[in-house]
Amino acid sequence: EPCFGADAMEATCYISSRPVSKDDWWQIDYDSPVRGRFTILTGTLEGKGVLTHGRVETSTDGKTWSRVANFSQKTGTAQFSVTSPVRFIRILPEPVKPETLAVRDVFVAPQ
């Protein structure tokens, strides 16, 4: 099965317009529920600005959230699987001091 990016465009990268702190988040709203193996890559293609302190949460309704993964401090990557379909994913940065958030890709491999 193929893997799909958050917007199906390889060249797209989200970079926050200002430094983010613990009260900020970045969210994906899927048109229809998805499930499978998720991989979230942060940082630029050059490897700068990876998210080393943060977590990922999922939701079916956008109101109730479940923590599913933490970001690797070494690679800035988060990986997790969901067996029940979800409609929303959010990244919650938890930097020691505010920093720019760069989300390079979000892949979902159907299972």
PDB file of N, CA and C in Angstrom:
ATOM      1  N   GLU A   1       0.835  -1.189   0.000  1.00  0.00           N
ATOM      2  CA  GLU A   1       0.000   0.000   0.000  1.00  0.00           C
ATOM      3  C   GLU A   1       0.882   1.256   0.000  1.00  0.00           C
ATOM      4  N   PRO A   2       0.466   2.283  -0.697  1.00  0.00           N
ATOM      5  CA  PRO A   2       1.243   3.525  -0.728  1.00  0.00           C
ATOM      6  C   PRO A   2       1.076   4.335   0.551  1.00  0.00           C
ATOM      7  N   CYS A   3       2.011   5.234   0.788  1.00  0.00           N
ATOM      8  CA  CYS A   3       1.916   6.172   1.899  1.00  0.00           C
ATOM      9  C   CYS A   3       1.495   7.523   1.341  1.00  0.00           C
ATOM     10  N   PHE A   4       0.726   8.264   2.095  1.00  0.00           N
ATOM     11  CA  PHE A   4       0.242   9.561   1.650  1.00  0.00           C
ATOM     12  C   PHE A   4       0.672  10.646   2.616  1.00  0.00           C
ATOM     13  N   GLY A   5       1.134  11.783   2.090  1.00  0.00           N
ATOM     14  CA  GLY A   5       1.463  12.936   2.908  1.00  0.00           C
ATOM     15  C   GLY A   5       0.195  13.633   3.355  1.00  0.00           C
ATOM     16  N   ALA A   6       0.346  14.578   4.266  1.00  0.00           N
ATOM     17  CA  ALA A   6      -0.809  15.290   4.800  1.00  0.00           C
ATOM     18  C   ALA A   6      -1.606  15.963   3.695  1.00  0.00           C
ATOM     19  N   ASP A   7      -0.946  16.502   2.680  1.00  0.00           N
ATOM     20  CA  ASP A   7      -1.662  17.170   1.604  1.00  0.00           C
ATOM     21  C   ASP A   7      -1.339  16.569   0.232  1.00  0.00           C
ATOM     22  N   ALA A   8      -0.672  15.422   0.245  1.00  0.00           N
ATOM     23  CA  ALA A   8      -0.316  14.705  -0.993  1.00  0.00           C
ATOM     24  C   ALA A   8       0.628  15.491  -1.898  1.00  0.00           C
ATOM     25  N   MET A   9       1.337  16.471  -1.345  1.00  0.00           N
ATOM     26  CA  MET A   9       2.293  17.247  -2.132  1.00  0.00           C
ATOM     27  C   MET A   9       3.668  17.165  -1.480  1.00  0.00           C
ATOM     28  N   GLU A  10       4.607  16.568  -2.196  1.00  0.00           N
ATOM     29  CA  GLU A  10       5.947  16.371  -1.651  1.00  0.00           C
ATOM     30  C   GLU A  10       6.659  17.669  -1.295  1.00  0.00           C
ATOM     31  N   ALA A  11       6.399  18.733  -2.036  1.00  0.00           N
ATOM     32  CA  ALA A  11       7.144  19.976  -1.850  1.00  0.00           C
ATOM     33  C   ALA A  11       6.623  20.838  -0.705  1.00  0.00           C
ATOM     34  N   THR A  12       5.494  20.471  -0.119  1.00  0.00           N
ATOM     35  CA  THR A  12       4.889  21.314   0.912  1.00  0.00           C
ATOM     36  C   THR A  12       5.543  21.089   2.270  1.00  0.00           C
ATOM     37  N   CYS A  13       5.815  22.172   2.948  1.00  0.00           N
ATOM     38  CA  CYS A  13       6.347  22.117   4.310  1.00  0.00           C
ATOM     39  C   CYS A  13       5.702  23.260   5.083  1.00  0.00           C
ATOM     40  N   TYR A  14       5.178  22.974   6.256  1.00  0.00           N
ATOM     41  CA  TYR A  14       4.593  24.024   7.081  1.00  0.00           C
ATOM     42  C   TYR A  14       5.679  24.597   7.984  1.00  0.00           C
ATOM     43  N   ILE A  15       5.852  25.912   7.994  1.00  0.00           N
ATOM     44  CA  ILE A  15       6.793  26.566   8.903  1.00  0.00           C
ATOM     45  C   ILE A  15       6.029  27.681   9.598  1.00  0.00           C
ATOM     46  N   SER A  16       6.015  27.648  10.926  1.00  0.00           N
ATOM     47  CA  SER A  16       5.254  28.645  11.675  1.00  0.00           C
ATOM     48  C   SER A  16       5.797  30.046  11.426  1.00  0.00           C
ATOM     49  N   SER A  17       4.900  31.008  11.406  1.00  0.00           N
ATOM     50  CA  SER A  17       5.297  32.390  11.130  1.00  0.00           C
ATOM     51  C   SER A  17       5.932  33.060  12.338  1.00  0.00           C
ATOM     52  N   ARG A  18       5.781  32.438  13.490  1.00  0.00           N
ATOM     53  CA  ARG A  18       6.386  32.966  14.716  1.00  0.00           C
ATOM     54  C   ARG A  18       6.811  31.780  15.576  1.00  0.00           C
ATOM     55  N   PRO A  19       7.685  31.993  16.531  1.00  0.00           N
ATOM     56  CA  PRO A  19       8.064  30.893  17.424  1.00  0.00           C
ATOM     57  C   PRO A  19       6.855  30.385  18.210  1.00  0.00           C
ATOM     58  N   VAL A  20       6.785  29.078  18.374  1.00  0.00           N
ATOM     59  CA  VAL A  20       5.678  28.460  19.108  1.00  0.00           C
ATOM     60  C   VAL A  20       6.126  28.124  20.525  1.00  0.00           C
ATOM     61  N   SER A  21       5.147  28.030  21.415  1.00  0.00           N
ATOM     62  CA  SER A  21       5.429  27.679  22.810  1.00  0.00           C
ATOM     63  C   SER A  21       4.506  26.545  23.229  1.00  0.00           C
ATOM     64  N   LYS A  22       4.484  26.224  24.513  1.00  0.00           N
ATOM     65  CA  LYS A  22       3.707  25.087  25.010  1.00  0.00           C
ATOM     66  C   LYS A  22       2.202  25.239  24.830  1.00  0.00           C
ATOM     67  N   ASP A  23       1.698  26.435  24.625  1.00  0.00           N
ATOM     68  CA  ASP A  23       0.257  26.633  24.467  1.00  0.00           C
ATOM     69  C   ASP A  23      -0.205  26.583  23.013  1.00  0.00           C
ATOM     70  N   ASP A  24       0.710  26.363  22.078  1.00  0.00           N
ATOM     71  CA  ASP A  24       0.375  26.340  20.657  1.00  0.00           C
ATOM     72  C   ASP A  24       0.237  24.904  20.153  1.00  0.00           C
ATOM     73  N   TRP A  25      -0.448  24.747  19.014  1.00  0.00           N
ATOM     74  CA  TRP A  25      -0.500  23.446  18.353  1.00  0.00           C
ATOM     75  C   TRP A  25      -0.703  23.642  16.861  1.00  0.00           C
ATOM     76  N   TRP A  26      -0.399  22.574  16.102  1.00  0.00           N
ATOM     77  CA  TRP A  26      -0.604  22.517  14.659  1.00  0.00           C
ATOM     78  C   TRP A  26      -1.510  21.333  14.423  1.00  0.00           C
ATOM     79  N   GLN A  27      -2.539  21.503  13.601  1.00  0.00           N
ATOM     80  CA  GLN A  27      -3.570  20.481  13.489  1.00  0.00           C
ATOM     81  C   GLN A  27      -3.861  20.109  12.051  1.00  0.00           C
ATOM     82  N   ILE A  28      -4.148  18.821  11.837  1.00  0.00           N
ATOM     83  CA  ILE A  28      -4.606  18.304  10.549  1.00  0.00           C
ATOM     84  C   ILE A  28      -6.056  17.881  10.731  1.00  0.00           C
ATOM     85  N   ASP A  29      -6.923  18.317   9.821  1.00  0.00           N
ATOM     86  CA  ASP A  29      -8.323  17.893   9.799  1.00  0.00           C
ATOM     87  C   ASP A  29      -8.526  17.087   8.519  1.00  0.00           C
ATOM     88  N   TYR A  30      -8.751  15.792   8.650  1.00  0.00           N
ATOM     89  CA  TYR A  30      -8.984  14.950   7.479  1.00  0.00           C
ATOM     90  C   TYR A  30     -10.457  15.027   7.072  1.00  0.00           C
ATOM     91  N   ASP A  31     -10.723  14.990   5.770  1.00  0.00           N
ATOM     92  CA  ASP A  31     -12.097  15.035   5.268  1.00  0.00           C
ATOM     93  C   ASP A  31     -12.905  13.822   5.704  1.00  0.00           C
ATOM     94  N   SER A  32     -12.239  12.684   5.759  1.00  0.00           N
ATOM     95  CA  SER A  32     -12.893  11.458   6.218  1.00  0.00           C
ATOM     96  C   SER A  32     -11.934  10.752   7.172  1.00  0.00           C
ATOM     97  N   PRO A  33     -12.458   9.916   8.054  1.00  0.00           N
ATOM     98  CA  PRO A  33     -11.603   9.246   9.039  1.00  0.00           C
ATOM     99  C   PRO A  33     -10.517   8.393   8.384  1.00  0.00           C
ATOM    100  N   VAL A  34      -9.345   8.387   9.011  1.00  0.00           N
ATOM    101  CA  VAL A  34      -8.211   7.598   8.525  1.00  0.00           C
ATOM    102  C   VAL A  34      -7.657   6.746   9.661  1.00  0.00           C
ATOM    103  N   ARG A  35      -6.993   5.675   9.282  1.00  0.00           N
ATOM    104  CA  ARG A  35      -6.302   4.835  10.272  1.00  0.00           C
ATOM    105  C   ARG A  35      -5.099   4.221   9.589  1.00  0.00           C
ATOM    106  N   GLY A  36      -4.180   3.744  10.412  1.00  0.00           N
ATOM    107  CA  GLY A  36      -2.975   3.138   9.877  1.00  0.00           C
ATOM    108  C   GLY A  36      -1.764   3.533  10.686  1.00  0.00           C
ATOM    109  N   ARG A  37      -0.601   3.436  10.047  1.00  0.00           N
ATOM    110  CA  ARG A  37       0.685   3.773  10.664  1.00  0.00           C
ATOM    111  C   ARG A  37       1.065   5.188  10.241  1.00  0.00           C
ATOM    112  N   PHE A  38       1.150   6.100  11.212  1.00  0.00           N
ATOM    113  CA  PHE A  38       1.467   7.500  10.957  1.00  0.00           C
ATOM    114  C   PHE A  38       2.945   7.773  11.237  1.00  0.00           C
ATOM    115  N   THR A  39       3.542   8.586  10.401  1.00  0.00           N
ATOM    116  CA  THR A  39       4.905   9.074  10.612  1.00  0.00           C
ATOM    117  C   THR A  39       4.876  10.580  10.389  1.00  0.00           C
ATOM    118  N   ILE A  40       5.305  11.330  11.400  1.00  0.00           N
ATOM    119  CA  ILE A  40       5.349  12.788  11.305  1.00  0.00           C
ATOM    120  C   ILE A  40       6.809  13.216  11.367  1.00  0.00           C
ATOM    121  N   LEU A  41       7.253  13.918  10.318  1.00  0.00           N
ATOM    122  CA  LEU A  41       8.631  14.398  10.231  1.00  0.00           C
ATOM    123  C   LEU A  41       8.642  15.896  10.466  1.00  0.00           C
ATOM    124  N   THR A  42       9.507  16.361  11.343  1.00  0.00           N
ATOM    125  CA  THR A  42       9.651  17.797  11.569  1.00  0.00           C
ATOM    126  C   THR A  42      11.037  18.244  11.132  1.00  0.00           C
ATOM    127  N   GLY A  43      11.189  19.556  10.997  1.00  0.00           N
ATOM    128  CA  GLY A  43      12.470  20.116  10.577  1.00  0.00           C
ATOM    129  C   GLY A  43      12.518  20.327   9.077  1.00  0.00           C
ATOM    130  N   THR A  44      13.521  21.050   8.650  1.00  0.00           N
ATOM    131  CA  THR A  44      13.697  21.320   7.221  1.00  0.00           C
ATOM    132  C   THR A  44      14.394  20.141   6.551  1.00  0.00           C
ATOM    133  N   LEU A  45      14.429  20.150   5.238  1.00  0.00           N
ATOM    134  CA  LEU A  45      15.127  19.089   4.509  1.00  0.00           C
ATOM    135  C   LEU A  45      16.607  19.045   4.863  1.00  0.00           C
ATOM    136  N   GLU A  46      17.152  20.197   5.285  1.00  0.00           N
ATOM    137  CA  GLU A  46      18.560  20.272   5.682  1.00  0.00           C
ATOM    138  C   GLU A  46      18.777  19.736   7.094  1.00  0.00           C
ATOM    139  N   GLY A  47      17.693  19.353   7.781  1.00  0.00           N
ATOM    140  CA  GLY A  47      17.810  18.794   9.125  1.00  0.00           C
ATOM    141  C   GLY A  47      17.805  19.817  10.241  1.00  0.00           C
ATOM    142  N   LYS A  48      17.458  21.066   9.935  1.00  0.00           N
ATOM    143  CA  LYS A  48      17.432  22.092  10.969  1.00  0.00           C
ATOM    144  C   LYS A  48      16.024  22.250  11.528  1.00  0.00           C
ATOM    145  N   GLY A  49      15.933  22.663  12.777  1.00  0.00           N
ATOM    146  CA  GLY A  49      14.645  22.983  13.379  1.00  0.00           C
ATOM    147  C   GLY A  49      13.755  21.803  13.691  1.00  0.00           C
ATOM    148  N   VAL A  50      14.340  20.643  13.996  1.00  0.00           N
ATOM    149  CA  VAL A  50      13.497  19.507  14.354  1.00  0.00           C
ATOM    150  C   VAL A  50      12.871  19.726  15.729  1.00  0.00           C
ATOM    151  N   LEU A  51      11.661  19.223  15.895  1.00  0.00           N
ATOM    152  CA  LEU A  51      10.946  19.340  17.158  1.00  0.00           C
ATOM    153  C   LEU A  51      11.442  18.242  18.093  1.00  0.00           C
ATOM    154  N   THR A  52      12.106  18.619  19.150  1.00  0.00           N
ATOM    155  CA  THR A  52      12.661  17.626  20.078  1.00  0.00           C
ATOM    156  C   THR A  52      11.806  17.442  21.325  1.00  0.00           C
ATOM    157  N   HIS A  53      10.951  18.404  21.617  1.00  0.00           N
ATOM    158  CA  HIS A  53      10.068  18.302  22.776  1.00  0.00           C
ATOM    159  C   HIS A  53       8.642  18.584  22.320  1.00  0.00           C
ATOM    160  N   GLY A  54       7.837  17.555  22.259  1.00  0.00           N
ATOM    161  CA  GLY A  54       6.452  17.712  21.827  1.00  0.00           C
ATOM    162  C   GLY A  54       5.749  16.369  21.807  1.00  0.00           C
ATOM    163  N   ARG A  55       4.441  16.448  21.568  1.00  0.00           N
ATOM    164  CA  ARG A  55       3.646  15.226  21.550  1.00  0.00           C
ATOM    165  C   ARG A  55       2.603  15.305  20.438  1.00  0.00           C
ATOM    166  N   VAL A  56       1.986  14.155  20.149  1.00  0.00           N
ATOM    167  CA  VAL A  56       0.935  14.060  19.143  1.00  0.00           C
ATOM    168  C   VAL A  56      -0.315  13.525  19.815  1.00  0.00           C
ATOM    169  N   GLU A  57      -1.453  14.116  19.461  1.00  0.00           N
ATOM    170  CA  GLU A  57      -2.744  13.661  19.955  1.00  0.00           C
ATOM    171  C   GLU A  57      -3.673  13.443  18.766  1.00  0.00           C
ATOM    172  N   THR A  58      -4.636  12.520  18.931  1.00  0.00           N
ATOM    173  CA  THR A  58      -5.627  12.260  17.888  1.00  0.00           C
ATOM    174  C   THR A  58      -7.024  12.414  18.468  1.00  0.00           C
ATOM    175  N   SER A  59      -7.997  12.617  17.554  1.00  0.00           N
ATOM    176  CA  SER A  59      -9.384  12.774  17.974  1.00  0.00           C
ATOM    177  C   SER A  59     -10.313  12.324  16.849  1.00  0.00           C
ATOM    178  N   THR A  60     -11.462  11.821  17.222  1.00  0.00           N
ATOM    179  CA  THR A  60     -12.481  11.473  16.234  1.00  0.00           C
ATOM    180  C   THR A  60     -13.465  12.613  16.029  1.00  0.00           C
ATOM    181  N   ASP A  61     -13.617  13.477  17.042  1.00  0.00           N
ATOM    182  CA  ASP A  61     -14.615  14.543  16.982  1.00  0.00           C
ATOM    183  C   ASP A  61     -14.050  15.959  17.119  1.00  0.00           C
ATOM    184  N   GLY A  62     -12.750  16.103  17.381  1.00  0.00           N
ATOM    185  CA  GLY A  62     -12.144  17.417  17.555  1.00  0.00           C
ATOM    186  C   GLY A  62     -12.363  18.009  18.936  1.00  0.00           C
ATOM    187  N   LYS A  63     -12.996  17.252  19.827  1.00  0.00           N
ATOM    188  CA  LYS A  63     -13.259  17.724  21.194  1.00  0.00           C
ATOM    189  C   LYS A  63     -12.514  16.902  22.239  1.00  0.00           C
ATOM    190  N   THR A  64     -12.521  15.590  22.070  1.00  0.00           N
ATOM    191  CA  THR A  64     -11.848  14.681  22.993  1.00  0.00           C
ATOM    192  C   THR A  64     -10.570  14.191  22.329  1.00  0.00           C
ATOM    193  N   TRP A  65      -9.432  14.367  23.029  1.00  0.00           N
ATOM    194  CA  TRP A  65      -8.132  14.056  22.448  1.00  0.00           C
ATOM    195  C   TRP A  65      -7.430  12.947  23.222  1.00  0.00           C
ATOM    196  N   SER A  66      -6.661  12.114  22.497  1.00  0.00           N
ATOM    197  CA  SER A  66      -5.865  11.038  23.103  1.00  0.00           C
ATOM    198  C   SER A  66      -4.408  11.223  22.708  1.00  0.00           C
ATOM    199  N   ARG A  67      -3.540  11.171  23.702  1.00  0.00           N
ATOM    200  CA  ARG A  67      -2.100  11.254  23.435  1.00  0.00           C
ATOM    201  C   ARG A  67      -1.649   9.928  22.838  1.00  0.00           C
ATOM    202  N   VAL A  68      -0.946   9.991  21.693  1.00  0.00           N
ATOM    203  CA  VAL A  68      -0.547   8.755  21.017  1.00  0.00           C
ATOM    204  C   VAL A  68       0.959   8.611  20.838  1.00  0.00           C
ATOM    205  N   ALA A  69       1.707   9.722  20.906  1.00  0.00           N
ATOM    206  CA  ALA A  69       3.152   9.616  20.674  1.00  0.00           C
ATOM    207  C   ALA A  69       3.872  10.869  21.156  1.00  0.00           C
ATOM    208  N   ASN A  70       5.157  10.683  21.417  1.00  0.00           N
ATOM    209  CA  ASN A  70       6.067  11.800  21.679  1.00  0.00           C
ATOM    210  C   ASN A  70       7.038  11.886  20.508  1.00  0.00           C
ATOM    211  N   PHE A  71       7.624  13.042  20.320  1.00  0.00           N
ATOM    212  CA  PHE A  71       8.633  13.198  19.285  1.00  0.00           C
ATOM    213  C   PHE A  71       9.984  12.721  19.794  1.00  0.00           C
ATOM    214  N   SER A  72      10.735  12.067  18.922  1.00  0.00           N
ATOM    215  CA  SER A  72      12.083  11.632  19.255  1.00  0.00           C
ATOM    216  C   SER A  72      12.969  12.857  19.418  1.00  0.00           C
ATOM    217  N   GLN A  73      13.663  12.940  20.536  1.00  0.00           N
ATOM    218  CA  GLN A  73      14.572  14.065  20.765  1.00  0.00           C
ATOM    219  C   GLN A  73      15.750  14.030  19.803  1.00  0.00           C
ATOM    220  N   LYS A  74      16.049  12.866  19.287  1.00  0.00           N
ATOM    221  CA  LYS A  74      17.194  12.712  18.378  1.00  0.00           C
ATOM    222  C   LYS A  74      16.847  13.073  16.933  1.00  0.00           C
ATOM    223  N   THR A  75      15.658  12.633  16.464  1.00  0.00           N
ATOM    224  CA  THR A  75      15.320  12.799  15.049  1.00  0.00           C
ATOM    225  C   THR A  75      14.181  13.780  14.781  1.00  0.00           C
ATOM    226  N   GLY A  76      13.415  14.150  15.814  1.00  0.00           N
ATOM    227  CA  GLY A  76      12.260  15.025  15.603  1.00  0.00           C
ATOM    228  C   GLY A  76      11.122  14.335  14.887  1.00  0.00           C
ATOM    229  N   THR A  77      11.082  13.008  14.967  1.00  0.00           N
ATOM    230  CA  THR A  77      10.058  12.206  14.303  1.00  0.00           C
ATOM    231  C   THR A  77       9.125  11.596  15.339  1.00  0.00           C
ATOM    232  N   ALA A  78       7.846  11.496  14.988  1.00  0.00           N
ATOM    233  CA  ALA A  78       6.880  10.777  15.824  1.00  0.00           C
ATOM    234  C   ALA A  78       6.233   9.709  14.963  1.00  0.00           C
ATOM    235  N   GLN A  79       6.104   8.501  15.518  1.00  0.00           N
ATOM    236  CA  GLN A  79       5.460   7.401  14.806  1.00  0.00           C
ATOM    237  C   GLN A  79       4.461   6.734  15.730  1.00  0.00           C
ATOM    238  N   PHE A  80       3.306   6.364  15.152  1.00  0.00           N
ATOM    239  CA  PHE A  80       2.277   5.684  15.929  1.00  0.00           C
ATOM    240  C   PHE A  80       1.293   5.019  14.978  1.00  0.00           C
ATOM    241  N   SER A  81       0.545   4.065  15.498  1.00  0.00           N
ATOM    242  CA  SER A  81      -0.497   3.387  14.725  1.00  0.00           C
ATOM    243  C   SER A  81      -1.830   3.579  15.422  1.00  0.00           C
ATOM    244  N   VAL A  82      -2.871   3.730  14.628  1.00  0.00           N
ATOM    245  CA  VAL A  82      -4.230   3.771  15.179  1.00  0.00           C
ATOM    246  C   VAL A  82      -5.063   2.740  14.438  1.00  0.00           C
ATOM    247  N   THR A  83      -5.813   1.950  15.186  1.00  0.00           N
ATOM    248  CA  THR A  83      -6.672   0.942  14.579  1.00  0.00           C
ATOM    249  C   THR A  83      -8.094   1.459  14.413  1.00  0.00           C
ATOM    250  N   SER A  84      -8.497   2.400  15.270  1.00  0.00           N
ATOM    251  CA  SER A  84      -9.793   3.053  15.119  1.00  0.00           C
ATOM    252  C   SER A  84      -9.585   4.335  14.323  1.00  0.00           C
ATOM    253  N   PRO A  85     -10.415   4.586  13.329  1.00  0.00           N
ATOM    254  CA  PRO A  85     -10.233   5.773  12.488  1.00  0.00           C
ATOM    255  C   PRO A  85     -10.286   7.080  13.285  1.00  0.00           C
ATOM    256  N   VAL A  86      -9.453   8.037  12.880  1.00  0.00           N
ATOM    257  CA  VAL A  86      -9.417   9.370  13.498  1.00  0.00           C
ATOM    258  C   VAL A  86      -9.640  10.414  12.410  1.00  0.00           C
ATOM    259  N   ARG A  87     -10.171  11.567  12.788  1.00  0.00           N
ATOM    260  CA  ARG A  87     -10.377  12.665  11.832  1.00  0.00           C
ATOM    261  C   ARG A  87      -9.412  13.811  12.057  1.00  0.00           C
ATOM    262  N   PHE A  88      -8.831  13.889  13.270  1.00  0.00           N
ATOM    263  CA  PHE A  88      -7.985  15.023  13.617  1.00  0.00           C
ATOM    264  C   PHE A  88      -6.688  14.551  14.262  1.00  0.00           C
ATOM    265  N   ILE A  89      -5.603  15.222  13.901  1.00  0.00           N
ATOM    266  CA  ILE A  89      -4.299  14.981  14.524  1.00  0.00           C
ATOM    267  C   ILE A  89      -3.737  16.341  14.872  1.00  0.00           C
ATOM    268  N   ARG A  90      -3.192  16.463  16.068  1.00  0.00           N
ATOM    269  CA  ARG A  90      -2.538  17.729  16.390  1.00  0.00           C
ATOM    270  C   ARG A  90      -1.173  17.488  17.005  1.00  0.00           C
ATOM    271  N   ILE A  91      -0.271  18.393  16.656  1.00  0.00           N
ATOM    272  CA  ILE A  91       1.091  18.387  17.172  1.00  0.00           C
ATOM    273  C   ILE A  91       1.161  19.487  18.215  1.00  0.00           C
ATOM    274  N   LEU A  92       1.591  19.124  19.405  1.00  0.00           N
ATOM    275  CA  LEU A  92       1.709  20.084  20.491  1.00  0.00           C
ATOM    276  C   LEU A  92       3.177  20.237  20.856  1.00  0.00           C
ATOM    277  N   PRO A  93       3.812  21.310  20.402  1.00  0.00           N
ATOM    278  CA  PRO A  93       5.216  21.543  20.742  1.00  0.00           C
ATOM    279  C   PRO A  93       5.341  21.834  22.237  1.00  0.00           C
ATOM    280  N   GLU A  94       6.405  21.375  22.843  1.00  0.00           N
ATOM    281  CA  GLU A  94       6.675  21.652  24.254  1.00  0.00           C
ATOM    282  C   GLU A  94       8.125  22.106  24.401  1.00  0.00           C
ATOM    283  N   PRO A  95       8.499  23.157  23.664  1.00  0.00           N
ATOM    284  CA  PRO A  95       9.895  23.596  23.702  1.00  0.00           C
ATOM    285  C   PRO A  95      10.254  24.235  25.040  1.00  0.00           C
ATOM    286  N   VAL A  96      11.517  24.147  25.405  1.00  0.00           N
ATOM    287  CA  VAL A  96      12.013  24.788  26.617  1.00  0.00           C
ATOM    288  C   VAL A  96      11.852  26.298  26.487  1.00  0.00           C
ATOM    289  N   LYS A  97      12.154  26.813  25.306  1.00  0.00           N
ATOM    290  CA  LYS A  97      11.923  28.222  24.984  1.00  0.00           C
ATOM    291  C   LYS A  97      11.239  28.247  23.620  1.00  0.00           C
ATOM    292  N   PRO A  98      10.448  29.295  23.308  1.00  0.00           N
ATOM    293  CA  PRO A  98       9.747  29.329  22.019  1.00  0.00           C
ATOM    294  C   PRO A  98      10.696  29.116  20.836  1.00  0.00           C
ATOM    295  N   GLU A  99      10.237  28.336  19.864  1.00  0.00           N
ATOM    296  CA  GLU A  99      11.038  28.070  18.672  1.00  0.00           C
ATOM    297  C   GLU A  99      10.120  27.893  17.467  1.00  0.00           C
ATOM    298  N   THR A 100      10.656  28.040  16.282  1.00  0.00           N
ATOM    299  CA  THR A 100       9.892  27.876  15.051  1.00  0.00           C
ATOM    300  C   THR A 100       9.545  26.404  14.854  1.00  0.00           C
ATOM    301  N   LEU A 101       8.322  26.131  14.447  1.00  0.00           N
ATOM    302  CA  LEU A 101       7.881  24.771  14.171  1.00  0.00           C
ATOM    303  C   LEU A 101       7.902  24.537  12.671  1.00  0.00           C
ATOM    304  N   ALA A 102       8.590  23.498  12.234  1.00  0.00           N
ATOM    305  CA  ALA A 102       8.613  23.105  10.822  1.00  0.00           C
ATOM    306  C   ALA A 102       8.114  21.667  10.735  1.00  0.00           C
ATOM    307  N   VAL A 103       6.961  21.476  10.105  1.00  0.00           N
ATOM    308  CA  VAL A 103       6.418  20.133   9.891  1.00  0.00           C
ATOM    309  C   VAL A 103       6.665  19.809   8.428  1.00  0.00           C
ATOM    310  N   ARG A 104       7.572  18.866   8.214  1.00  0.00           N
ATOM    311  CA  ARG A 104       8.000  18.543   6.849  1.00  0.00           C
ATOM    312  C   ARG A 104       7.022  17.611   6.150  1.00  0.00           C
ATOM    313  N   ASP A 105       6.514  16.626   6.858  1.00  0.00           N
ATOM    314  CA  ASP A 105       5.591  15.665   6.228  1.00  0.00           C
ATOM    315  C   ASP A 105       4.836  14.873   7.273  1.00  0.00           C
ATOM    316  N   VAL A 106       3.642  14.450   6.886  1.00  0.00           N
ATOM    317  CA  VAL A 106       2.842  13.544   7.692  1.00  0.00           C
ATOM    318  C   VAL A 106       2.392  12.436   6.751  1.00  0.00           C
ATOM    319  N   PHE A 107       2.868  11.223   7.003  1.00  0.00           N
ATOM    320  CA  PHE A 107       2.533  10.070   6.163  1.00  0.00           C
ATOM    321  C   PHE A 107       1.591   9.140   6.907  1.00  0.00           C
ATOM    322  N   VAL A 108       0.678   8.543   6.145  1.00  0.00           N
ATOM    323  CA  VAL A 108      -0.194   7.514   6.696  1.00  0.00           C
ATOM    324  C   VAL A 108      -0.073   6.289   5.812  1.00  0.00           C
ATOM    325  N   ALA A 109       0.392   5.192   6.387  1.00  0.00           N
ATOM    326  CA  ALA A 109       0.468   3.929   5.655  1.00  0.00           C
ATOM    327  C   ALA A 109      -0.717   3.078   6.088  1.00  0.00           C
ATOM    328  N   PRO A 110      -1.667   2.839   5.185  1.00  0.00           N
ATOM    329  CA  PRO A 110      -2.835   2.021   5.551  1.00  0.00           C
ATOM    330  C   PRO A 110      -2.418   0.643   6.037  1.00  0.00           C
ATOM    331  N   GLN A 111      -3.166   0.134   7.003  1.00  0.00           N
ATOM    332  CA  GLN A 111      -2.855  -1.200   7.531  1.00  0.00           C
ATOM    333  C   GLN A 111      -4.008  -2.133   7.299  1.00  0.00           C
TER     334      GLN A 111
END
